Structure formats: structure tokens, C-alpha cells
Amino acid sequence: MYALTGAVSKKHKQSSLGGTTLTTQGTVKWFNATKGYGFVTCDDGKDVFVHYSAIQGDGFKTLDEGQRISFRITQGSKGDQAADVEKI
């Protein structure tokens, strides 16, 4: 058996590799709309990189400091990063 730690929502998404990934929640630490990236603090305290291309929805993709979001954590070329970011 595996135990989950930290704040994890009940949402599950099927990954392209056939496994299930969990969606977590956090707060936008900072986001530079001009450069298109920033950092999110997960509810467990971990900071994760976020790029504008990961933000779901139409129109100009940006996040506001302090905004609550849900997302998946994936492995990027330089470490963990947010994917499938949705504003909540």
C-alpha cells in the first residue's frame, strides 16, 4: 500500500503513460506575465515552476499572486513543474 501526503484533491487524471496522476492544489507565489512564468507554492509547502503554456482556458494566460489553483506536478528538464493548471 502507498500513503499520500500533503493536500491532494480527489481528482484523478489518466496520464499518457497509462498511469493515474493526482491533482494537487496550491497558491501562486509570483507570476511574471511578460516572461510567461512563475512559481506556485503547493499546499504542502513545496515550490513548483509554472509556465503560461500549462494554464488551461482561452485568452491571455496569466496568474495573479495569491491566486488558488489546481494542477498536476510533472518532471520538467530542470525539475518539477506544474501542468494542467486550472484557476479555482
PDB file of N, CA and C in Angstrom:
ATOM      1  N   MET A   1       0.832  -1.183   0.000  1.00  0.00           N
ATOM      2  CA  MET A   1       0.000   0.000   0.000  1.00  0.00           C
ATOM      3  C   MET A   1       0.873   1.241   0.000  1.00  0.00           C
ATOM      4  N   TYR A   2       0.317   2.309  -0.543  1.00  0.00           N
ATOM      5  CA  TYR A   2       1.015   3.583  -0.593  1.00  0.00           C
ATOM      6  C   TYR A   2       0.202   4.617   0.165  1.00  0.00           C
ATOM      7  N   ALA A   3       0.880   5.481   0.881  1.00  0.00           N
ATOM      8  CA  ALA A   3       0.212   6.556   1.604  1.00  0.00           C
ATOM      9  C   ALA A   3       0.469   7.864   0.876  1.00  0.00           C
ATOM     10  N   LEU A   4      -0.552   8.688   0.789  1.00  0.00           N
ATOM     11  CA  LEU A   4      -0.411  10.001   0.177  1.00  0.00           C
ATOM     12  C   LEU A   4      -0.184  11.021   1.270  1.00  0.00           C
ATOM     13  N   THR A   5       0.725  11.945   1.026  1.00  0.00           N
ATOM     14  CA  THR A   5       0.972  13.000   1.994  1.00  0.00           C
ATOM     15  C   THR A   5       0.662  14.330   1.360  1.00  0.00           C
ATOM     16  N   GLY A   6       0.417  15.349   2.166  1.00  0.00           N
ATOM     17  CA  GLY A   6       0.113  16.675   1.653  1.00  0.00           C
ATOM     18  C   GLY A   6      -1.344  16.763   1.243  1.00  0.00           C
ATOM     19  N   ALA A   7      -1.717  17.947   0.766  1.00  0.00           N
ATOM     20  CA  ALA A   7      -3.090  18.172   0.338  1.00  0.00           C
ATOM     21  C   ALA A   7      -3.249  17.703  -1.095  1.00  0.00           C
ATOM     22  N   VAL A   8      -4.068  16.703  -1.274  1.00  0.00           N
ATOM     23  CA  VAL A   8      -4.309  16.159  -2.605  1.00  0.00           C
ATOM     24  C   VAL A   8      -5.809  16.083  -2.804  1.00  0.00           C
ATOM     25  N   SER A   9      -6.290  16.619  -3.917  1.00  0.00           N
ATOM     26  CA  SER A   9      -7.720  16.561  -4.181  1.00  0.00           C
ATOM     27  C   SER A   9      -8.105  15.152  -4.606  1.00  0.00           C
ATOM     28  N   LYS A  10      -9.376  14.928  -4.743  1.00  0.00           N
ATOM     29  CA  LYS A  10      -9.887  13.620  -5.139  1.00  0.00           C
ATOM     30  C   LYS A  10      -9.872  13.431  -6.650  1.00  0.00           C
ATOM     31  N   LYS A  11      -9.491  14.453  -7.419  1.00  0.00           N
ATOM     32  CA  LYS A  11      -9.458  14.333  -8.871  1.00  0.00           C
ATOM     33  C   LYS A  11      -8.304  13.443  -9.297  1.00  0.00           C
ATOM     34  N   HIS A  12      -8.551  12.645 -10.298  1.00  0.00           N
ATOM     35  CA  HIS A  12      -7.514  11.814 -10.891  1.00  0.00           C
ATOM     36  C   HIS A  12      -7.538  12.027 -12.392  1.00  0.00           C
ATOM     37  N   LYS A  13      -6.401  12.004 -13.024  1.00  0.00           N
ATOM     38  CA  LYS A  13      -6.324  12.128 -14.473  1.00  0.00           C
ATOM     39  C   LYS A  13      -5.508  10.974 -15.010  1.00  0.00           C
ATOM     40  N   GLN A  14      -5.901  10.483 -16.151  1.00  0.00           N
ATOM     41  CA  GLN A  14      -5.171   9.400 -16.801  1.00  0.00           C
ATOM     42  C   GLN A  14      -3.970  10.008 -17.512  1.00  0.00           C
ATOM     43  N   SER A  15      -2.788   9.525 -17.251  1.00  0.00           N
ATOM     44  CA  SER A  15      -1.595  10.036 -17.915  1.00  0.00           C
ATOM     45  C   SER A  15      -1.404   9.337 -19.248  1.00  0.00           C
ATOM     46  N   SER A  16      -0.591   9.931 -20.114  1.00  0.00           N
ATOM     47  CA  SER A  16      -0.321   9.342 -21.419  1.00  0.00           C
ATOM     48  C   SER A  16       0.459   8.035 -21.292  1.00  0.00           C
ATOM     49  N   LEU A  17       1.044   7.780 -20.132  1.00  0.00           N
ATOM     50  CA  LEU A  17       1.800   6.553 -19.916  1.00  0.00           C
ATOM     51  C   LEU A  17       0.929   5.439 -19.349  1.00  0.00           C
ATOM     52  N   GLY A  18      -0.367   5.719 -19.197  1.00  0.00           N
ATOM     53  CA  GLY A  18      -1.276   4.695 -18.721  1.00  0.00           C
ATOM     54  C   GLY A  18      -1.499   4.698 -17.224  1.00  0.00           C
ATOM     55  N   GLY A  19      -0.736   5.466 -16.466  1.00  0.00           N
ATOM     56  CA  GLY A  19      -0.909   5.533 -15.023  1.00  0.00           C
ATOM     57  C   GLY A  19      -1.865   6.648 -14.647  1.00  0.00           C
ATOM     58  N   THR A  20      -2.178   6.731 -13.387  1.00  0.00           N
ATOM     59  CA  THR A  20      -3.052   7.784 -12.900  1.00  0.00           C
ATOM     60  C   THR A  20      -2.214   8.782 -12.116  1.00  0.00           C
ATOM     61  N   THR A  21      -2.444  10.055 -12.366  1.00  0.00           N
ATOM     62  CA  THR A  21      -1.740  11.096 -11.626  1.00  0.00           C
ATOM     63  C   THR A  21      -2.753  11.864 -10.795  1.00  0.00           C
ATOM     64  N   LEU A  22      -2.325  12.374  -9.664  1.00  0.00           N
ATOM     65  CA  LEU A  22      -3.203  13.110  -8.776  1.00  0.00           C
ATOM     66  C   LEU A  22      -3.070  14.600  -9.011  1.00  0.00           C
ATOM     67  N   THR A  23      -4.193  15.281  -8.884  1.00  0.00           N
ATOM     68  CA  THR A  23      -4.202  16.728  -8.980  1.00  0.00           C
ATOM     69  C   THR A  23      -4.051  17.290  -7.574  1.00  0.00           C
ATOM     70  N   THR A  24      -3.184  18.272  -7.427  1.00  0.00           N
ATOM     71  CA  THR A  24      -2.964  18.907  -6.137  1.00  0.00           C
ATOM     72  C   THR A  24      -3.393  20.369  -6.230  1.00  0.00           C
ATOM     73  N   GLN A  25      -3.321  21.082  -5.134  1.00  0.00           N
ATOM     74  CA  GLN A  25      -3.690  22.493  -5.115  1.00  0.00           C
ATOM     75  C   GLN A  25      -2.572  23.307  -4.497  1.00  0.00           C
ATOM     76  N   GLY A  26      -2.584  24.594  -4.810  1.00  0.00           N
ATOM     77  CA  GLY A  26      -1.588  25.490  -4.257  1.00  0.00           C
ATOM     78  C   GLY A  26      -1.964  26.934  -4.497  1.00  0.00           C
ATOM     79  N   THR A  27      -1.020  27.819  -4.171  1.00  0.00           N
ATOM     80  CA  THR A  27      -1.212  29.260  -4.288  1.00  0.00           C
ATOM     81  C   THR A  27      -0.085  29.838  -5.130  1.00  0.00           C
ATOM     82  N   VAL A  28      -0.436  30.766  -6.018  1.00  0.00           N
ATOM     83  CA  VAL A  28       0.572  31.399  -6.866  1.00  0.00           C
ATOM     84  C   VAL A  28       1.480  32.258  -5.988  1.00  0.00           C
ATOM     85  N   LYS A  29       2.768  31.958  -5.989  1.00  0.00           N
ATOM     86  CA  LYS A  29       3.763  32.711  -5.223  1.00  0.00           C
ATOM     87  C   LYS A  29       4.082  34.003  -5.963  1.00  0.00           C
ATOM     88  N   TRP A  30       4.410  33.868  -7.242  1.00  0.00           N
ATOM     89  CA  TRP A  30       4.589  35.015  -8.135  1.00  0.00           C
ATOM     90  C   TRP A  30       4.497  34.527  -9.568  1.00  0.00           C
ATOM     91  N   PHE A  31       4.094  35.443 -10.470  1.00  0.00           N
ATOM     92  CA  PHE A  31       3.990  35.110 -11.886  1.00  0.00           C
ATOM     93  C   PHE A  31       4.283  36.364 -12.688  1.00  0.00           C
ATOM     94  N   ASN A  32       5.258  36.274 -13.598  1.00  0.00           N
ATOM     95  CA  ASN A  32       5.632  37.388 -14.463  1.00  0.00           C
ATOM     96  C   ASN A  32       4.914  37.199 -15.798  1.00  0.00           C
ATOM     97  N   ALA A  33       3.858  37.988 -16.037  1.00  0.00           N
ATOM     98  CA  ALA A  33       3.060  37.845 -17.256  1.00  0.00           C
ATOM     99  C   ALA A  33       3.862  38.190 -18.503  1.00  0.00           C
ATOM    100  N   THR A  34       4.832  39.090 -18.395  1.00  0.00           N
ATOM    101  CA  THR A  34       5.660  39.464 -19.546  1.00  0.00           C
ATOM    102  C   THR A  34       6.541  38.305 -19.978  1.00  0.00           C
ATOM    103  N   LYS A  35       7.140  37.620 -19.019  1.00  0.00           N
ATOM    104  CA  LYS A  35       8.023  36.491 -19.332  1.00  0.00           C
ATOM    105  C   LYS A  35       7.265  35.167 -19.434  1.00  0.00           C
ATOM    106  N   GLY A  36       6.067  35.105 -18.869  1.00  0.00           N
ATOM    107  CA  GLY A  36       5.230  33.923 -19.002  1.00  0.00           C
ATOM    108  C   GLY A  36       5.537  32.785 -18.055  1.00  0.00           C
ATOM    109  N   TYR A  37       6.130  33.077 -16.917  1.00  0.00           N
ATOM    110  CA  TYR A  37       6.405  32.010 -15.950  1.00  0.00           C
ATOM    111  C   TYR A  37       6.423  32.551 -14.532  1.00  0.00           C
ATOM    112  N   GLY A  38       6.420  31.626 -13.577  1.00  0.00           N
ATOM    113  CA  GLY A  38       6.466  31.991 -12.172  1.00  0.00           C
ATOM    114  C   GLY A  38       6.581  30.745 -11.318  1.00  0.00           C
ATOM    115  N   PHE A  39       6.197  30.884 -10.058  1.00  0.00           N
ATOM    116  CA  PHE A  39       6.246  29.761  -9.125  1.00  0.00           C
ATOM    117  C   PHE A  39       4.960  29.677  -8.320  1.00  0.00           C
ATOM    118  N   VAL A  40       4.608  28.445  -7.978  1.00  0.00           N
ATOM    119  CA  VAL A  40       3.433  28.128  -7.189  1.00  0.00           C
ATOM    120  C   VAL A  40       3.911  27.436  -5.920  1.00  0.00           C
ATOM    121  N   THR A  41       3.293  27.760  -4.791  1.00  0.00           N
ATOM    122  CA  THR A  41       3.574  27.043  -3.552  1.00  0.00           C
ATOM    123  C   THR A  41       2.464  26.025  -3.335  1.00  0.00           C
ATOM    124  N   CYS A  42       2.846  24.751  -3.334  1.00  0.00           N
ATOM    125  CA  CYS A  42       1.882  23.672  -3.079  1.00  0.00           C
ATOM    126  C   CYS A  42       1.385  23.788  -1.644  1.00  0.00           C
ATOM    127  N   ASP A  43       0.229  23.212  -1.381  1.00  0.00           N
ATOM    128  CA  ASP A  43      -0.305  23.237  -0.020  1.00  0.00           C
ATOM    129  C   ASP A  43       0.613  22.547   0.978  1.00  0.00           C
ATOM    130  N   ASP A  44       1.516  21.670   0.497  1.00  0.00           N
ATOM    131  CA  ASP A  44       2.470  21.018   1.404  1.00  0.00           C
ATOM    132  C   ASP A  44       3.741  21.847   1.598  1.00  0.00           C
ATOM    133  N   GLY A  45       3.801  23.048   0.976  1.00  0.00           N
ATOM    134  CA  GLY A  45       4.929  23.957   1.164  1.00  0.00           C
ATOM    135  C   GLY A  45       5.978  23.934   0.076  1.00  0.00           C
ATOM    136  N   LYS A  46       5.913  22.992  -0.836  1.00  0.00           N
ATOM    137  CA  LYS A  46       6.904  22.863  -1.910  1.00  0.00           C
ATOM    138  C   LYS A  46       6.635  23.891  -3.012  1.00  0.00           C
ATOM    139  N   ASP A  47       7.688  24.538  -3.523  1.00  0.00           N
ATOM    140  CA  ASP A  47       7.569  25.472  -4.640  1.00  0.00           C
ATOM    141  C   ASP A  47       7.768  24.735  -5.956  1.00  0.00           C
ATOM    142  N   VAL A  48       6.913  25.046  -6.935  1.00  0.00           N
ATOM    143  CA  VAL A  48       6.936  24.380  -8.229  1.00  0.00           C
ATOM    144  C   VAL A  48       6.880  25.439  -9.329  1.00  0.00           C
ATOM    145  N   PHE A  49       7.697  25.270 -10.360  1.00  0.00           N
ATOM    146  CA  PHE A  49       7.725  26.153 -11.524  1.00  0.00           C
ATOM    147  C   PHE A  49       6.410  26.038 -12.299  1.00  0.00           C
ATOM    148  N   VAL A  50       5.927  27.157 -12.836  1.00  0.00           N
ATOM    149  CA  VAL A  50       4.739  27.144 -13.697  1.00  0.00           C
ATOM    150  C   VAL A  50       4.995  28.018 -14.923  1.00  0.00           C
ATOM    151  N   HIS A  51       4.653  27.500 -16.105  1.00  0.00           N
ATOM    152  CA  HIS A  51       4.799  28.210 -17.379  1.00  0.00           C
ATOM    153  C   HIS A  51       3.407  28.516 -17.912  1.00  0.00           C
ATOM    154  N   TYR A  52       3.270  29.636 -18.624  1.00  0.00           N
ATOM    155  CA  TYR A  52       1.953  30.043 -19.107  1.00  0.00           C
ATOM    156  C   TYR A  52       1.294  28.982 -19.987  1.00  0.00           C
ATOM    157  N   SER A  53       2.087  28.185 -20.684  1.00  0.00           N
ATOM    158  CA  SER A  53       1.524  27.166 -21.577  1.00  0.00           C
ATOM    159  C   SER A  53       0.789  26.061 -20.817  1.00  0.00           C
ATOM    160  N   ALA A  54       1.010  25.958 -19.504  1.00  0.00           N
ATOM    161  CA  ALA A  54       0.340  24.935 -18.688  1.00  0.00           C
ATOM    162  C   ALA A  54      -1.023  25.396 -18.187  1.00  0.00           C
ATOM    163  N   ILE A  55      -1.335  26.694 -18.355  1.00  0.00           N
ATOM    164  CA  ILE A  55      -2.594  27.251 -17.860  1.00  0.00           C
ATOM    165  C   ILE A  55      -3.722  26.884 -18.819  1.00  0.00           C
ATOM    166  N   GLN A  56      -4.760  26.261 -18.277  1.00  0.00           N
ATOM    167  CA  GLN A  56      -5.914  25.855 -19.076  1.00  0.00           C
ATOM    168  C   GLN A  56      -6.845  27.043 -19.298  1.00  0.00           C
ATOM    169  N   GLY A  57      -7.555  27.040 -20.420  1.00  0.00           N
ATOM    170  CA  GLY A  57      -8.530  28.087 -20.703  1.00  0.00           C
ATOM    171  C   GLY A  57      -8.154  28.893 -21.927  1.00  0.00           C
ATOM    172  N   ASP A  58      -9.070  29.749 -22.329  1.00  0.00           N
ATOM    173  CA  ASP A  58      -8.885  30.588 -23.506  1.00  0.00           C
ATOM    174  C   ASP A  58      -8.400  31.975 -23.105  1.00  0.00           C
ATOM    175  N   GLY A  59      -7.914  32.719 -24.085  1.00  0.00           N
ATOM    176  CA  GLY A  59      -7.500  34.093 -23.847  1.00  0.00           C
ATOM    177  C   GLY A  59      -6.086  34.196 -23.304  1.00  0.00           C
ATOM    178  N   PHE A  60      -5.769  35.373 -22.765  1.00  0.00           N
ATOM    179  CA  PHE A  60      -4.446  35.661 -22.225  1.00  0.00           C
ATOM    180  C   PHE A  60      -4.227  34.816 -20.978  1.00  0.00           C
ATOM    181  N   LYS A  61      -3.185  34.033 -20.975  1.00  0.00           N
ATOM    182  CA  LYS A  61      -2.929  33.093 -19.883  1.00  0.00           C
ATOM    183  C   LYS A  61      -1.960  33.697 -18.881  1.00  0.00           C
ATOM    184  N   THR A  62      -2.493  34.060 -17.730  1.00  0.00           N
ATOM    185  CA  THR A  62      -1.685  34.631 -16.664  1.00  0.00           C
ATOM    186  C   THR A  62      -2.252  34.186 -15.320  1.00  0.00           C
ATOM    187  N   LEU A  63      -1.481  34.361 -14.279  1.00  0.00           N
ATOM    188  CA  LEU A  63      -1.907  34.042 -12.922  1.00  0.00           C
ATOM    189  C   LEU A  63      -1.617  35.240 -12.037  1.00  0.00           C
ATOM    190  N   ASP A  64      -2.412  35.405 -10.993  1.00  0.00           N
ATOM    191  CA  ASP A  64      -2.224  36.503 -10.051  1.00  0.00           C
ATOM    192  C   ASP A  64      -1.616  35.986  -8.755  1.00  0.00           C
ATOM    193  N   GLU A  65      -0.721  36.775  -8.182  1.00  0.00           N
ATOM    194  CA  GLU A  65      -0.120  36.416  -6.900  1.00  0.00           C
ATOM    195  C   GLU A  65      -1.221  36.167  -5.880  1.00  0.00           C
ATOM    196  N   GLY A  66      -1.113  35.067  -5.142  1.00  0.00           N
ATOM    197  CA  GLY A  66      -2.100  34.723  -4.128  1.00  0.00           C
ATOM    198  C   GLY A  66      -3.285  33.928  -4.655  1.00  0.00           C
ATOM    199  N   GLN A  67      -3.384  33.774  -5.968  1.00  0.00           N
ATOM    200  CA  GLN A  67      -4.499  33.045  -6.576  1.00  0.00           C
ATOM    201  C   GLN A  67      -4.396  31.549  -6.286  1.00  0.00           C
ATOM    202  N   ARG A  68      -5.534  30.915  -5.998  1.00  0.00           N
ATOM    203  CA  ARG A  68      -5.584  29.472  -5.750  1.00  0.00           C
ATOM    204  C   ARG A  68      -5.741  28.754  -7.083  1.00  0.00           C
ATOM    205  N   ILE A  69      -4.991  27.660  -7.245  1.00  0.00           N
ATOM    206  CA  ILE A  69      -5.045  26.875  -8.474  1.00  0.00           C
ATOM    207  C   ILE A  69      -4.989  25.385  -8.151  1.00  0.00           C
ATOM    208  N   SER A  70      -5.442  24.578  -9.097  1.00  0.00           N
ATOM    209  CA  SER A  70      -5.239  23.131  -9.028  1.00  0.00           C
ATOM    210  C   SER A  70      -4.353  22.760 -10.205  1.00  0.00           C
ATOM    211  N   PHE A  71      -3.548  21.716 -10.044  1.00  0.00           N
ATOM    212  CA  PHE A  71      -2.581  21.348 -11.075  1.00  0.00           C
ATOM    213  C   PHE A  71      -2.005  19.974 -10.792  1.00  0.00           C
ATOM    214  N   ARG A  72      -1.329  19.425 -11.798  1.00  0.00           N
ATOM    215  CA  ARG A  72      -0.560  18.195 -11.642  1.00  0.00           C
ATOM    216  C   ARG A  72       0.912  18.583 -11.585  1.00  0.00           C
ATOM    217  N   ILE A  73       1.715  17.816 -10.900  1.00  0.00           N
ATOM    218  CA  ILE A  73       3.158  18.044 -10.877  1.00  0.00           C
ATOM    219  C   ILE A  73       3.805  17.042 -11.821  1.00  0.00           C
ATOM    220  N   THR A  74       4.573  17.568 -12.777  1.00  0.00           N
ATOM    221  CA  THR A  74       5.287  16.726 -13.728  1.00  0.00           C
ATOM    222  C   THR A  74       6.776  17.022 -13.639  1.00  0.00           C
ATOM    223  N   GLN A  75       7.577  16.155 -14.211  1.00  0.00           N
ATOM    224  CA  GLN A  75       9.030  16.340 -14.215  1.00  0.00           C
ATOM    225  C   GLN A  75       9.428  17.084 -15.486  1.00  0.00           C
ATOM    226  N   GLY A  76       9.985  18.290 -15.327  1.00  0.00           N
ATOM    227  CA  GLY A  76      10.491  19.059 -16.454  1.00  0.00           C
ATOM    228  C   GLY A  76      11.989  18.880 -16.583  1.00  0.00           C
ATOM    229  N   SER A  77      12.588  19.574 -17.545  1.00  0.00           N
ATOM    230  CA  SER A  77      14.026  19.439 -17.778  1.00  0.00           C
ATOM    231  C   SER A  77      14.865  19.959 -16.613  1.00  0.00           C
ATOM    232  N   LYS A  78      14.291  20.873 -15.807  1.00  0.00           N
ATOM    233  CA  LYS A  78      15.036  21.440 -14.678  1.00  0.00           C
ATOM    234  C   LYS A  78      14.394  21.116 -13.331  1.00  0.00           C
ATOM    235  N   GLY A  79      13.508  20.127 -13.315  1.00  0.00           N
ATOM    236  CA  GLY A  79      12.864  19.752 -12.060  1.00  0.00           C
ATOM    237  C   GLY A  79      11.355  19.742 -12.183  1.00  0.00           C
ATOM    238  N   ASP A  80      10.687  19.738 -11.031  1.00  0.00           N
ATOM    239  CA  ASP A  80       9.228  19.679 -11.010  1.00  0.00           C
ATOM    240  C   ASP A  80       8.617  20.930 -11.614  1.00  0.00           C
ATOM    241  N   GLN A  81       7.493  20.733 -12.326  1.00  0.00           N
ATOM    242  CA  GLN A  81       6.757  21.869 -12.864  1.00  0.00           C
ATOM    243  C   GLN A  81       5.270  21.553 -12.862  1.00  0.00           C
ATOM    244  N   ALA A  82       4.459  22.600 -12.852  1.00  0.00           N
ATOM    245  CA  ALA A  82       3.011  22.447 -12.845  1.00  0.00           C
ATOM    246  C   ALA A  82       2.506  22.174 -14.256  1.00  0.00           C
ATOM    247  N   ALA A  83       1.485  21.320 -14.355  1.00  0.00           N
ATOM    248  CA  ALA A  83       0.833  21.013 -15.626  1.00  0.00           C
ATOM    249  C   ALA A  83      -0.678  21.037 -15.409  1.00  0.00           C
ATOM    250  N   ASP A  84      -1.431  21.232 -16.469  1.00  0.00           N
ATOM    251  CA  ASP A  84      -2.900  21.244 -16.400  1.00  0.00           C
ATOM    252  C   ASP A  84      -3.394  22.189 -15.307  1.00  0.00           C
ATOM    253  N   VAL A  85      -2.883  23.418 -15.314  1.00  0.00           N
ATOM    254  CA  VAL A  85      -3.199  24.410 -14.286  1.00  0.00           C
ATOM    255  C   VAL A  85      -4.605  24.968 -14.512  1.00  0.00           C
ATOM    256  N   GLU A  86      -5.423  24.921 -13.468  1.00  0.00           N
ATOM    257  CA  GLU A  86      -6.774  25.467 -13.516  1.00  0.00           C
ATOM    258  C   GLU A  86      -6.980  26.397 -12.332  1.00  0.00           C
ATOM    259  N   LYS A  87      -7.579  27.558 -12.599  1.00  0.00           N
ATOM    260  CA  LYS A  87      -7.890  28.514 -11.539  1.00  0.00           C
ATOM    261  C   LYS A  87      -9.097  28.008 -10.760  1.00  0.00           C
ATOM    262  N   ILE A  88      -9.035  28.136  -9.426  1.00  0.00           N
ATOM    263  CA  ILE A  88     -10.171  27.687  -8.594  1.00  0.00           C
ATOM    264  C   ILE A  88     -10.682  28.823  -7.732  1.00  0.00           C
TER     265      ILE A  88
END
